[in-house]
């Protein structure tokens, strides 16, 4: 008798284990060998409101703006994100900027395109 144990079965049995010592790298739902990126929760603050978003830890600022734009119904081009007093550029990554889980970034929504 041959028993086949799939990755999905292991995940269901043990949960989404982040410790890869036992099972090797986690696979994506597509079944590829690339590791699943860890997610970070960010607090995005304006002068009047706050939003919580979840993005991959290696996401670019453009990706953060895109996720945020769907939440606040504004195009990404109108969003300006600020961290530690610095305006963030679209090509920069959260990793490069040392933005980690639970940190806050500030949002300014531009009235018109520059």
PDB file of N, CA and C in Angstrom:
ATOM      1  N   UNK A   1       0.846  -1.171   0.000  1.00  0.00           N
ATOM      2  CA  UNK A   1       0.000   0.000   0.000  1.00  0.00           C
ATOM      3  C   UNK A   1       0.895   1.240   0.000  1.00  0.00           C
ATOM      4  N   UNK A   2       0.603   2.167  -0.889  1.00  0.00           N
ATOM      5  CA  UNK A   2       1.365   3.399  -1.023  1.00  0.00           C
ATOM      6  C   UNK A   2       0.542   4.551  -0.460  1.00  0.00           C
ATOM      7  N   UNK A   3       1.127   5.305   0.453  1.00  0.00           N
ATOM      8  CA  UNK A   3       0.455   6.464   1.038  1.00  0.00           C
ATOM      9  C   UNK A   3       1.178   7.713   0.571  1.00  0.00           C
ATOM     10  N   UNK A   4       0.436   8.631  -0.022  1.00  0.00           N
ATOM     11  CA  UNK A   4       1.013   9.883  -0.498  1.00  0.00           C
ATOM     12  C   UNK A   4       0.588  10.992   0.453  1.00  0.00           C
ATOM     13  N   UNK A   5       1.570  11.672   1.009  1.00  0.00           N
ATOM     14  CA  UNK A   5       1.282  12.783   1.917  1.00  0.00           C
ATOM     15  C   UNK A   5       1.632  14.069   1.183  1.00  0.00           C
ATOM     16  N   UNK A   6       0.633  14.899   0.993  1.00  0.00           N
ATOM     17  CA  UNK A   6       0.855  16.148   0.257  1.00  0.00           C
ATOM     18  C   UNK A   6       1.233  17.275   1.211  1.00  0.00           C
ATOM     19  N   UNK A   7       1.764  18.332   0.629  1.00  0.00           N
ATOM     20  CA  UNK A   7       2.107  19.524   1.405  1.00  0.00           C
ATOM     21  C   UNK A   7       0.867  20.096   2.073  1.00  0.00           C
ATOM     22  N   UNK A   8      -0.266  20.073   1.359  1.00  0.00           N
ATOM     23  CA  UNK A   8      -1.510  20.584   1.939  1.00  0.00           C
ATOM     24  C   UNK A   8      -1.913  19.791   3.181  1.00  0.00           C
ATOM     25  N   UNK A   9      -1.703  18.480   3.150  1.00  0.00           N
ATOM     26  CA  UNK A   9      -2.015  17.657   4.311  1.00  0.00           C
ATOM     27  C   UNK A   9      -1.130  18.039   5.496  1.00  0.00           C
ATOM     28  N   UNK A  10       0.163  18.220   5.233  1.00  0.00           N
ATOM     29  CA  UNK A  10       1.093  18.617   6.299  1.00  0.00           C
ATOM     30  C   UNK A  10       0.673  19.961   6.887  1.00  0.00           C
ATOM     31  N   UNK A  11       0.329  20.916   6.008  1.00  0.00           N
ATOM     32  CA  UNK A  11      -0.104  22.233   6.490  1.00  0.00           C
ATOM     33  C   UNK A  11      -1.363  22.122   7.342  1.00  0.00           C
ATOM     34  N   UNK A  12      -2.314  21.311   6.881  1.00  0.00           N
ATOM     35  CA  UNK A  12      -3.553  21.151   7.640  1.00  0.00           C
ATOM     36  C   UNK A  12      -3.284  20.493   8.986  1.00  0.00           C
ATOM     37  N   UNK A  13      -2.364  19.554   9.003  1.00  0.00           N
ATOM     38  CA  UNK A  13      -2.051  18.837  10.222  1.00  0.00           C
ATOM     39  C   UNK A  13      -1.275  19.696  11.215  1.00  0.00           C
ATOM     40  N   UNK A  14      -0.290  20.428  10.729  1.00  0.00           N
ATOM     41  CA  UNK A  14       0.589  21.188  11.607  1.00  0.00           C
ATOM     42  C   UNK A  14       0.384  22.693  11.545  1.00  0.00           C
ATOM     43  N   UNK A  15      -0.511  23.178  10.706  1.00  0.00           N
ATOM     44  CA  UNK A  15      -0.713  24.619  10.570  1.00  0.00           C
ATOM     45  C   UNK A  15       0.368  25.214   9.692  1.00  0.00           C
ATOM     46  N   UNK A  16       0.348  26.506   9.566  1.00  0.00           N
ATOM     47  CA  UNK A  16       1.325  27.215   8.734  1.00  0.00           C
ATOM     48  C   UNK A  16       2.608  27.402   9.529  1.00  0.00           C
ATOM     49  N   UNK A  17       3.336  26.339   9.712  1.00  0.00           N
ATOM     50  CA  UNK A  17       4.555  26.345  10.515  1.00  0.00           C
ATOM     51  C   UNK A  17       5.624  27.194   9.850  1.00  0.00           C
ATOM     52  N   UNK A  18       6.156  28.187  10.596  1.00  0.00           N
ATOM     53  CA  UNK A  18       7.206  29.046  10.054  1.00  0.00           C
ATOM     54  C   UNK A  18       8.592  28.446  10.298  1.00  0.00           C
ATOM     55  N   UNK A  19       8.668  27.426  11.112  1.00  0.00           N
ATOM     56  CA  UNK A  19       9.946  26.789  11.390  1.00  0.00           C
ATOM     57  C   UNK A  19      10.231  25.797  10.265  1.00  0.00           C
ATOM     58  N   UNK A  20      11.154  26.145   9.375  1.00  0.00           N
ATOM     59  CA  UNK A  20      11.407  25.313   8.200  1.00  0.00           C
ATOM     60  C   UNK A  20      12.424  24.205   8.463  1.00  0.00           C
ATOM     61  N   UNK A  21      12.922  24.084   9.697  1.00  0.00           N
ATOM     62  CA  UNK A  21      13.900  23.032   9.983  1.00  0.00           C
ATOM     63  C   UNK A  21      13.312  21.651   9.745  1.00  0.00           C
ATOM     64  N   UNK A  22      12.012  21.488   9.985  1.00  0.00           N
ATOM     65  CA  UNK A  22      11.408  20.168   9.890  1.00  0.00           C
ATOM     66  C   UNK A  22      10.879  19.854   8.504  1.00  0.00           C
ATOM     67  N   UNK A  23      10.349  20.845   7.812  1.00  0.00           N
ATOM     68  CA  UNK A  23       9.675  20.564   6.548  1.00  0.00           C
ATOM     69  C   UNK A  23      10.358  21.181   5.339  1.00  0.00           C
ATOM     70  N   UNK A  24      11.441  21.927   5.525  1.00  0.00           N
ATOM     71  CA  UNK A  24      12.067  22.619   4.408  1.00  0.00           C
ATOM     72  C   UNK A  24      11.284  23.886   4.097  1.00  0.00           C
ATOM     73  N   UNK A  25      11.629  24.567   3.007  1.00  0.00           N
ATOM     74  CA  UNK A  25      10.941  25.811   2.667  1.00  0.00           C
ATOM     75  C   UNK A  25       9.459  25.576   2.415  1.00  0.00           C
ATOM     76  N   UNK A  26       8.643  26.549   2.813  1.00  0.00           N
ATOM     77  CA  UNK A  26       7.209  26.457   2.551  1.00  0.00           C
ATOM     78  C   UNK A  26       6.954  26.725   1.080  1.00  0.00           C
ATOM     79  N   UNK A  27       5.949  26.066   0.549  1.00  0.00           N
ATOM     80  CA  UNK A  27       5.616  26.250  -0.854  1.00  0.00           C
ATOM     81  C   UNK A  27       4.418  27.172  -0.968  1.00  0.00           C
ATOM     82  N   UNK A  28       4.320  27.875  -2.090  1.00  0.00           N
ATOM     83  CA  UNK A  28       3.171  28.738  -2.320  1.00  0.00           C
ATOM     84  C   UNK A  28       1.989  27.878  -2.723  1.00  0.00           C
ATOM     85  N   UNK A  29       0.808  28.473  -2.756  1.00  0.00           N
ATOM     86  CA  UNK A  29      -0.380  27.736  -3.160  1.00  0.00           C
ATOM     87  C   UNK A  29      -0.279  27.243  -4.601  1.00  0.00           C
ATOM     88  N   UNK A  30       0.527  27.929  -5.409  1.00  0.00           N
ATOM     89  CA  UNK A  30       0.689  27.503  -6.795  1.00  0.00           C
ATOM     90  C   UNK A  30       1.551  26.243  -6.894  1.00  0.00           C
ATOM     91  N   UNK A  31       2.205  25.878  -5.779  1.00  0.00           N
ATOM     92  CA  UNK A  31       3.016  24.679  -5.775  1.00  0.00           C
ATOM     93  C   UNK A  31       4.446  24.911  -6.208  1.00  0.00           C
ATOM     94  N   UNK A  32       4.848  26.150  -6.379  1.00  0.00           N
ATOM     95  CA  UNK A  32       6.222  26.421  -6.794  1.00  0.00           C
ATOM     96  C   UNK A  32       7.155  26.261  -5.606  1.00  0.00           C
ATOM     97  N   UNK A  33       8.446  26.234  -5.877  1.00  0.00           N
ATOM     98  CA  UNK A  33       9.431  26.030  -4.826  1.00  0.00           C
ATOM     99  C   UNK A  33       9.835  27.300  -4.105  1.00  0.00           C
ATOM    100  N   UNK A  34       9.368  28.468  -4.586  1.00  0.00           N
ATOM    101  CA  UNK A  34       9.773  29.700  -3.917  1.00  0.00           C
ATOM    102  C   UNK A  34       9.136  29.782  -2.536  1.00  0.00           C
ATOM    103  N   UNK A  35       9.871  30.366  -1.606  1.00  0.00           N
ATOM    104  CA  UNK A  35       9.343  30.492  -0.255  1.00  0.00           C
ATOM    105  C   UNK A  35       8.233  31.527  -0.219  1.00  0.00           C
ATOM    106  N   UNK A  36       7.280  31.304   0.641  1.00  0.00           N
ATOM    107  CA  UNK A  36       6.213  32.268   0.840  1.00  0.00           C
ATOM    108  C   UNK A  36       6.795  33.442   1.607  1.00  0.00           C
ATOM    109  N   UNK A  37       6.527  34.654   1.109  1.00  0.00           N
ATOM    110  CA  UNK A  37       7.037  35.834   1.800  1.00  0.00           C
ATOM    111  C   UNK A  37       6.273  36.039   3.093  1.00  0.00           C
ATOM    112  N   UNK A  38       6.997  36.430   4.119  1.00  0.00           N
ATOM    113  CA  UNK A  38       6.350  36.798   5.366  1.00  0.00           C
ATOM    114  C   UNK A  38       5.589  38.089   5.149  1.00  0.00           C
ATOM    115  N   UNK A  39       4.538  38.271   5.899  1.00  0.00           N
ATOM    116  CA  UNK A  39       3.711  39.470   5.788  1.00  0.00           C
ATOM    117  C   UNK A  39       3.997  40.390   6.963  1.00  0.00           C
ATOM    118  N   UNK A  40       3.809  41.682   6.736  1.00  0.00           N
ATOM    119  CA  UNK A  40       3.921  42.667   7.808  1.00  0.00           C
ATOM    120  C   UNK A  40       2.623  43.460   7.870  1.00  0.00           C
ATOM    121  N   UNK A  41       2.235  43.784   9.079  1.00  0.00           N
ATOM    122  CA  UNK A  41       1.075  44.643   9.303  1.00  0.00           C
ATOM    123  C   UNK A  41       1.586  46.050   9.543  1.00  0.00           C
ATOM    124  N   UNK A  42       1.054  46.997   8.783  1.00  0.00           N
ATOM    125  CA  UNK A  42       1.466  48.388   8.917  1.00  0.00           C
ATOM    126  C   UNK A  42       0.280  49.240   9.328  1.00  0.00           C
ATOM    127  N   UNK A  43       0.566  50.258  10.106  1.00  0.00           N
ATOM    128  CA  UNK A  43      -0.441  51.245  10.463  1.00  0.00           C
ATOM    129  C   UNK A  43      -0.173  52.465   9.595  1.00  0.00           C
ATOM    130  N   UNK A  44      -1.159  52.857   8.815  1.00  0.00           N
ATOM    131  CA  UNK A  44      -1.019  54.013   7.935  1.00  0.00           C
ATOM    132  C   UNK A  44      -1.882  55.121   8.514  1.00  0.00           C
ATOM    133  N   UNK A  45      -1.253  56.263   8.794  1.00  0.00           N
ATOM    134  CA  UNK A  45      -1.950  57.348   9.481  1.00  0.00           C
ATOM    135  C   UNK A  45      -2.039  58.598   8.614  1.00  0.00           C
ATOM    136  N   UNK A  46      -3.212  59.211   8.624  1.00  0.00           N
ATOM    137  CA  UNK A  46      -3.377  60.551   8.074  1.00  0.00           C
ATOM    138  C   UNK A  46      -3.604  61.470   9.264  1.00  0.00           C
ATOM    139  N   UNK A  47      -3.861  62.736   9.007  1.00  0.00           N
ATOM    140  CA  UNK A  47      -4.119  63.648  10.126  1.00  0.00           C
ATOM    141  C   UNK A  47      -5.451  63.349  10.794  1.00  0.00           C
ATOM    142  N   UNK A  48      -6.351  62.672  10.086  1.00  0.00           N
ATOM    143  CA  UNK A  48      -7.685  62.429  10.641  1.00  0.00           C
ATOM    144  C   UNK A  48      -8.055  60.959  10.796  1.00  0.00           C
ATOM    145  N   UNK A  49      -7.375  60.056  10.079  1.00  0.00           N
ATOM    146  CA  UNK A  49      -7.770  58.647  10.099  1.00  0.00           C
ATOM    147  C   UNK A  49      -6.556  57.727  10.177  1.00  0.00           C
ATOM    148  N   UNK A  50      -6.838  56.465  10.448  1.00  0.00           N
ATOM    149  CA  UNK A  50      -5.793  55.450  10.457  1.00  0.00           C
ATOM    150  C   UNK A  50      -6.283  54.197   9.751  1.00  0.00           C
ATOM    151  N   UNK A  51      -5.386  53.504   9.091  1.00  0.00           N
ATOM    152  CA  UNK A  51      -5.717  52.285   8.359  1.00  0.00           C
ATOM    153  C   UNK A  51      -4.699  51.210   8.709  1.00  0.00           C
ATOM    154  N   UNK A  52      -5.154  49.975   8.741  1.00  0.00           N
ATOM    155  CA  UNK A  52      -4.264  48.835   8.938  1.00  0.00           C
ATOM    156  C   UNK A  52      -4.213  48.063   7.629  1.00  0.00           C
ATOM    157  N   UNK A  53      -3.003  47.790   7.151  1.00  0.00           N
ATOM    158  CA  UNK A  53      -2.844  47.005   5.929  1.00  0.00           C
ATOM    159  C   UNK A  53      -1.819  45.902   6.176  1.00  0.00           C
ATOM    160  N   UNK A  54      -1.895  44.867   5.356  1.00  0.00           N
ATOM    161  CA  UNK A  54      -0.948  43.758   5.417  1.00  0.00           C
ATOM    162  C   UNK A  54      -0.336  43.578   4.034  1.00  0.00           C
ATOM    163  N   UNK A  55       0.983  43.588   3.981  1.00  0.00           N
ATOM    164  CA  UNK A  55       1.715  43.455   2.716  1.00  0.00           C
ATOM    165  C   UNK A  55       2.913  42.530   2.928  1.00  0.00           C
ATOM    166  N   UNK A  56       3.485  41.995   1.839  1.00  0.00           N
ATOM    167  CA  UNK A  56       4.709  41.198   1.990  1.00  0.00           C
ATOM    168  C   UNK A  56       5.836  42.044   2.568  1.00  0.00           C
ATOM    169  N   UNK A  57       6.680  41.451   3.393  1.00  0.00           N
ATOM    170  CA  UNK A  57       7.744  42.224   4.051  1.00  0.00           C
ATOM    171  C   UNK A  57       8.752  42.803   3.064  1.00  0.00           C
ATOM    172  N   UNK A  58       8.857  42.247   1.866  1.00  0.00           N
ATOM    173  CA  UNK A  58       9.792  42.761   0.861  1.00  0.00           C
ATOM    174  C   UNK A  58       9.091  43.608  -0.198  1.00  0.00           C
ATOM    175  N   UNK A  59       7.878  44.056   0.088  1.00  0.00           N
ATOM    176  CA  UNK A  59       7.093  44.830  -0.878  1.00  0.00           C
ATOM    177  C   UNK A  59       7.741  46.172  -1.175  1.00  0.00           C
ATOM    178  N   UNK A  60       7.501  46.646  -2.398  1.00  0.00           N
ATOM    179  CA  UNK A  60       7.933  47.999  -2.750  1.00  0.00           C
ATOM    180  C   UNK A  60       6.906  48.988  -2.211  1.00  0.00           C
ATOM    181  N   UNK A  61       7.295  50.243  -2.178  1.00  0.00           N
ATOM    182  CA  UNK A  61       6.369  51.289  -1.743  1.00  0.00           C
ATOM    183  C   UNK A  61       5.198  51.381  -2.714  1.00  0.00           C
ATOM    184  N   UNK A  62       5.447  51.144  -4.001  1.00  0.00           N
ATOM    185  CA  UNK A  62       4.353  51.144  -4.972  1.00  0.00           C
ATOM    186  C   UNK A  62       3.331  50.064  -4.631  1.00  0.00           C
ATOM    187  N   UNK A  63       3.791  48.886  -4.213  1.00  0.00           N
ATOM    188  CA  UNK A  63       2.876  47.808  -3.805  1.00  0.00           C
ATOM    189  C   UNK A  63       2.067  48.235  -2.582  1.00  0.00           C
ATOM    190  N   UNK A  64       2.713  48.885  -1.625  1.00  0.00           N
ATOM    191  CA  UNK A  64       2.016  49.375  -0.431  1.00  0.00           C
ATOM    192  C   UNK A  64       0.943  50.375  -0.848  1.00  0.00           C
ATOM    193  N   UNK A  65       1.291  51.290  -1.755  1.00  0.00           N
ATOM    194  CA  UNK A  65       0.324  52.285  -2.236  1.00  0.00           C
ATOM    195  C   UNK A  65      -0.844  51.615  -2.951  1.00  0.00           C
ATOM    196  N   UNK A  66      -0.552  50.579  -3.729  1.00  0.00           N
ATOM    197  CA  UNK A  66      -1.599  49.870  -4.464  1.00  0.00           C
ATOM    198  C   UNK A  66      -2.573  49.189  -3.507  1.00  0.00           C
ATOM    199  N   UNK A  67      -2.050  48.522  -2.498  1.00  0.00           N
ATOM    200  CA  UNK A  67      -2.908  47.873  -1.491  1.00  0.00           C
ATOM    201  C   UNK A  67      -3.732  48.924  -0.760  1.00  0.00           C
ATOM    202  N   UNK A  68      -3.087  50.004  -0.386  1.00  0.00           N
ATOM    203  CA  UNK A  68      -3.758  51.077   0.341  1.00  0.00           C
ATOM    204  C   UNK A  68      -4.812  51.763  -0.521  1.00  0.00           C
ATOM    205  N   UNK A  69      -4.536  51.928  -1.805  1.00  0.00           N
ATOM    206  CA  UNK A  69      -5.467  52.631  -2.692  1.00  0.00           C
ATOM    207  C   UNK A  69      -6.811  51.915  -2.798  1.00  0.00           C
ATOM    208  N   UNK A  70      -6.799  50.589  -2.758  1.00  0.00           N
ATOM    209  CA  UNK A  70      -8.063  49.851  -2.807  1.00  0.00           C
ATOM    210  C   UNK A  70      -8.854  50.026  -1.517  1.00  0.00           C
ATOM    211  N   UNK A  71      -8.148  50.244  -0.431  1.00  0.00           N
ATOM    212  CA  UNK A  71      -8.806  50.404   0.870  1.00  0.00           C
ATOM    213  C   UNK A  71      -9.431  51.789   1.029  1.00  0.00           C
ATOM    214  N   UNK A  72      -8.778  52.814   0.463  1.00  0.00           N
ATOM    215  CA  UNK A  72      -9.261  54.185   0.670  1.00  0.00           C
ATOM    216  C   UNK A  72      -9.870  54.795  -0.590  1.00  0.00           C
ATOM    217  N   UNK A  73      -9.933  54.013  -1.668  1.00  0.00           N
ATOM    218  CA  UNK A  73     -10.565  54.451  -2.914  1.00  0.00           C
ATOM    219  C   UNK A  73      -9.913  55.706  -3.502  1.00  0.00           C
ATOM    220  N   UNK A  74      -8.604  55.694  -3.545  1.00  0.00           N
ATOM    221  CA  UNK A  74      -7.818  56.772  -4.158  1.00  0.00           C
ATOM    222  C   UNK A  74      -6.763  56.116  -5.047  1.00  0.00           C
ATOM    223  N   UNK A  75      -6.439  56.722  -6.186  1.00  0.00           N
ATOM    224  CA  UNK A  75      -5.399  56.121  -7.037  1.00  0.00           C
ATOM    225  C   UNK A  75      -4.022  56.215  -6.384  1.00  0.00           C
ATOM    226  N   UNK A  76      -3.166  55.225  -6.613  1.00  0.00           N
ATOM    227  CA  UNK A  76      -1.832  55.223  -5.998  1.00  0.00           C
ATOM    228  C   UNK A  76      -1.015  56.470  -6.325  1.00  0.00           C
ATOM    229  N   UNK A  77      -1.250  57.053  -7.498  1.00  0.00           N
ATOM    230  CA  UNK A  77      -0.491  58.237  -7.910  1.00  0.00           C
ATOM    231  C   UNK A  77      -0.728  59.432  -6.993  1.00  0.00           C
ATOM    232  N   UNK A  78      -1.870  59.449  -6.320  1.00  0.00           N
ATOM    233  CA  UNK A  78      -2.194  60.572  -5.436  1.00  0.00           C
ATOM    234  C   UNK A  78      -1.686  60.368  -4.011  1.00  0.00           C
ATOM    235  N   UNK A  79      -1.120  59.191  -3.733  1.00  0.00           N
ATOM    236  CA  UNK A  79      -0.691  58.876  -2.376  1.00  0.00           C
ATOM    237  C   UNK A  79       0.788  59.186  -2.180  1.00  0.00           C
ATOM    238  N   UNK A  80       1.084  59.828  -1.076  1.00  0.00           N
ATOM    239  CA  UNK A  80       2.463  60.135  -0.699  1.00  0.00           C
ATOM    240  C   UNK A  80       2.687  59.534   0.689  1.00  0.00           C
ATOM    241  N   UNK A  81       3.629  58.600   0.787  1.00  0.00           N
ATOM    242  CA  UNK A  81       3.912  57.944   2.065  1.00  0.00           C
ATOM    243  C   UNK A  81       5.185  58.516   2.670  1.00  0.00           C
ATOM    244  N   UNK A  82       5.161  58.701   3.986  1.00  0.00           N
ATOM    245  CA  UNK A  82       6.279  59.303   4.709  1.00  0.00           C
ATOM    246  C   UNK A  82       6.643  58.411   5.886  1.00  0.00           C
ATOM    247  N   UNK A  83       7.954  58.179   6.048  1.00  0.00           N
ATOM    248  CA  UNK A  83       8.448  57.392   7.176  1.00  0.00           C
ATOM    249  C   UNK A  83       9.710  58.061   7.695  1.00  0.00           C
ATOM    250  N   UNK A  84       9.760  58.287   8.981  1.00  0.00           N
ATOM    251  CA  UNK A  84      10.906  58.953   9.620  1.00  0.00           C
ATOM    252  C   UNK A  84      11.233  60.286   8.952  1.00  0.00           C
ATOM    253  N   UNK A  85      10.195  61.027   8.590  1.00  0.00           N
ATOM    254  CA  UNK A  85      10.384  62.346   7.999  1.00  0.00           C
ATOM    255  C   UNK A  85      10.839  62.337   6.552  1.00  0.00           C
ATOM    256  N   UNK A  86      10.852  61.166   5.916  1.00  0.00           N
ATOM    257  CA  UNK A  86      11.332  61.038   4.541  1.00  0.00           C
ATOM    258  C   UNK A  86      10.195  60.603   3.624  1.00  0.00           C
ATOM    259  N   UNK A  87      10.058  61.283   2.481  1.00  0.00           N
ATOM    260  CA  UNK A  87       9.079  60.872   1.475  1.00  0.00           C
ATOM    261  C   UNK A  87       9.602  59.609   0.802  1.00  0.00           C
ATOM    262  N   UNK A  88       8.772  58.579   0.778  1.00  0.00           N
ATOM    263  CA  UNK A  88       9.192  57.279   0.257  1.00  0.00           C
ATOM    264  C   UNK A  88       8.993  57.203  -1.254  1.00  0.00           C
ATOM    265  N   UNK A  89       9.977  56.656  -1.947  1.00  0.00           N
ATOM    266  CA  UNK A  89       9.931  56.516  -3.402  1.00  0.00           C
ATOM    267  C   UNK A  89       9.349  55.150  -3.765  1.00  0.00           C
ATOM    268  N   UNK A  90       8.629  55.117  -4.897  1.00  0.00           N
ATOM    269  CA  UNK A  90       7.921  53.910  -5.318  1.00  0.00           C
ATOM    270  C   UNK A  90       8.813  52.679  -5.450  1.00  0.00           C
ATOM    271  N   UNK A  91      10.054  52.831  -5.868  1.00  0.00           N
ATOM    272  CA  UNK A  91      10.924  51.675  -6.114  1.00  0.00           C
ATOM    273  C   UNK A  91      11.587  51.138  -4.841  1.00  0.00           C
ATOM    274  N   UNK A  92      11.529  51.895  -3.748  1.00  0.00           N
ATOM    275  CA  UNK A  92      12.157  51.444  -2.501  1.00  0.00           C
ATOM    276  C   UNK A  92      11.353  50.299  -1.891  1.00  0.00           C
ATOM    277  N   UNK A  93      12.032  49.471  -1.112  1.00  0.00           N
ATOM    278  CA  UNK A  93      11.352  48.345  -0.462  1.00  0.00           C
ATOM    279  C   UNK A  93      11.265  48.575   1.042  1.00  0.00           C
ATOM    280  N   UNK A  94      10.307  47.898   1.653  1.00  0.00           N
ATOM    281  CA  UNK A  94      10.159  47.989   3.107  1.00  0.00           C
ATOM    282  C   UNK A  94      11.426  47.495   3.795  1.00  0.00           C
ATOM    283  N   UNK A  95      12.023  46.445   3.259  1.00  0.00           N
ATOM    284  CA  UNK A  95      13.248  45.895   3.840  1.00  0.00           C
ATOM    285  C   UNK A  95      14.369  46.925   3.816  1.00  0.00           C
ATOM    286  N   UNK A  96      14.567  47.568   2.675  1.00  0.00           N
ATOM    287  CA  UNK A  96      15.632  48.568   2.528  1.00  0.00           C
ATOM    288  C   UNK A  96      15.417  49.736   3.485  1.00  0.00           C
ATOM    289  N   UNK A  97      14.160  50.092   3.697  1.00  0.00           N
ATOM    290  CA  UNK A  97      13.830  51.227   4.559  1.00  0.00           C
ATOM    291  C   UNK A  97      13.746  50.839   6.037  1.00  0.00           C
ATOM    292  N   UNK A  98      13.945  49.571   6.352  1.00  0.00           N
ATOM    293  CA  UNK A  98      13.851  49.038   7.721  1.00  0.00           C
ATOM    294  C   UNK A  98      12.472  49.260   8.337  1.00  0.00           C
ATOM    295  N   UNK A  99      11.440  49.138   7.504  1.00  0.00           N
ATOM    296  CA  UNK A  99      10.061  49.225   7.992  1.00  0.00           C
ATOM    297  C   UNK A  99       9.629  47.809   8.327  1.00  0.00           C
ATOM    298  N   UNK A 100       9.286  47.605   9.589  1.00  0.00           N
ATOM    299  CA  UNK A 100       8.981  46.265  10.083  1.00  0.00           C
ATOM    300  C   UNK A 100       7.535  46.165  10.568  1.00  0.00           C
ATOM    301  N   UNK A 101       7.141  44.948  10.890  1.00  0.00           N
ATOM    302  CA  UNK A 101       5.789  44.654  11.348  1.00  0.00           C
ATOM    303  C   UNK A 101       5.377  45.559  12.503  1.00  0.00           C
ATOM    304  N   UNK A 102       4.176  46.135  12.400  1.00  0.00           N
ATOM    305  CA  UNK A 102       3.617  46.960  13.465  1.00  0.00           C
ATOM    306  C   UNK A 102       4.004  48.424  13.412  1.00  0.00           C
ATOM    307  N   UNK A 103       4.907  48.787  12.512  1.00  0.00           N
ATOM    308  CA  UNK A 103       5.343  50.187  12.439  1.00  0.00           C
ATOM    309  C   UNK A 103       4.288  51.046  11.748  1.00  0.00           C
ATOM    310  N   UNK A 104       4.402  52.359  11.973  1.00  0.00           N
ATOM    311  CA  UNK A 104       3.465  53.314  11.383  1.00  0.00           C
ATOM    312  C   UNK A 104       4.154  54.125  10.294  1.00  0.00           C
ATOM    313  N   UNK A 105       3.419  54.352   9.221  1.00  0.00           N
ATOM    314  CA  UNK A 105       3.866  55.280   8.188  1.00  0.00           C
ATOM    315  C   UNK A 105       2.764  56.316   8.004  1.00  0.00           C
ATOM    316  N   UNK A 106       3.129  57.470   7.517  1.00  0.00           N
ATOM    317  CA  UNK A 106       2.168  58.565   7.374  1.00  0.00           C
ATOM    318  C   UNK A 106       1.768  58.717   5.915  1.00  0.00           C
ATOM    319  N   UNK A 107       0.517  59.096   5.719  1.00  0.00           N
ATOM    320  CA  UNK A 107      -0.052  59.223   4.382  1.00  0.00           C
ATOM    321  C   UNK A 107      -0.548  60.639   4.154  1.00  0.00           C
ATOM    322  N   UNK A 108      -0.166  61.181   3.006  1.00  0.00           N
ATOM    323  CA  UNK A 108      -0.721  62.447   2.537  1.00  0.00           C
ATOM    324  C   UNK A 108      -1.364  62.151   1.191  1.00  0.00           C
ATOM    325  N   UNK A 109      -2.614  62.584   1.018  1.00  0.00           N
ATOM    326  CA  UNK A 109      -3.313  62.399  -0.251  1.00  0.00           C
ATOM    327  C   UNK A 109      -3.259  63.722  -1.003  1.00  0.00           C
ATOM    328  N   UNK A 110      -2.631  63.698  -2.169  1.00  0.00           N
ATOM    329  CA  UNK A 110      -2.501  64.912  -2.976  1.00  0.00           C
ATOM    330  C   UNK A 110      -3.837  65.237  -3.634  1.00  0.00           C
ATOM    331  N   UNK A 111      -4.148  66.523  -3.710  1.00  0.00           N
ATOM    332  CA  UNK A 111      -5.383  66.954  -4.368  1.00  0.00           C
ATOM    333  C   UNK A 111      -5.277  66.875  -5.878  1.00  0.00           C
ATOM    334  N   UNK A 112      -4.095  67.128  -6.420  1.00  0.00           N
ATOM    335  CA  UNK A 112      -3.923  67.080  -7.868  1.00  0.00           C
ATOM    336  C   UNK A 112      -2.575  66.458  -8.197  1.00  0.00           C
ATOM    337  N   UNK A 113      -2.449  66.027  -9.448  1.00  0.00           N
ATOM    338  CA  UNK A 113      -1.195  65.433  -9.907  1.00  0.00           C
ATOM    339  C   UNK A 113      -0.122  66.501 -10.008  1.00  0.00           C
ATOM    340  N   UNK A 114       1.130  66.131  -9.755  1.00  0.00           N
ATOM    341  CA  UNK A 114       2.250  67.062  -9.927  1.00  0.00           C
ATOM    342  C   UNK A 114       2.738  67.002 -11.337  1.00  0.00           C
TER     343      UNK A 114
END
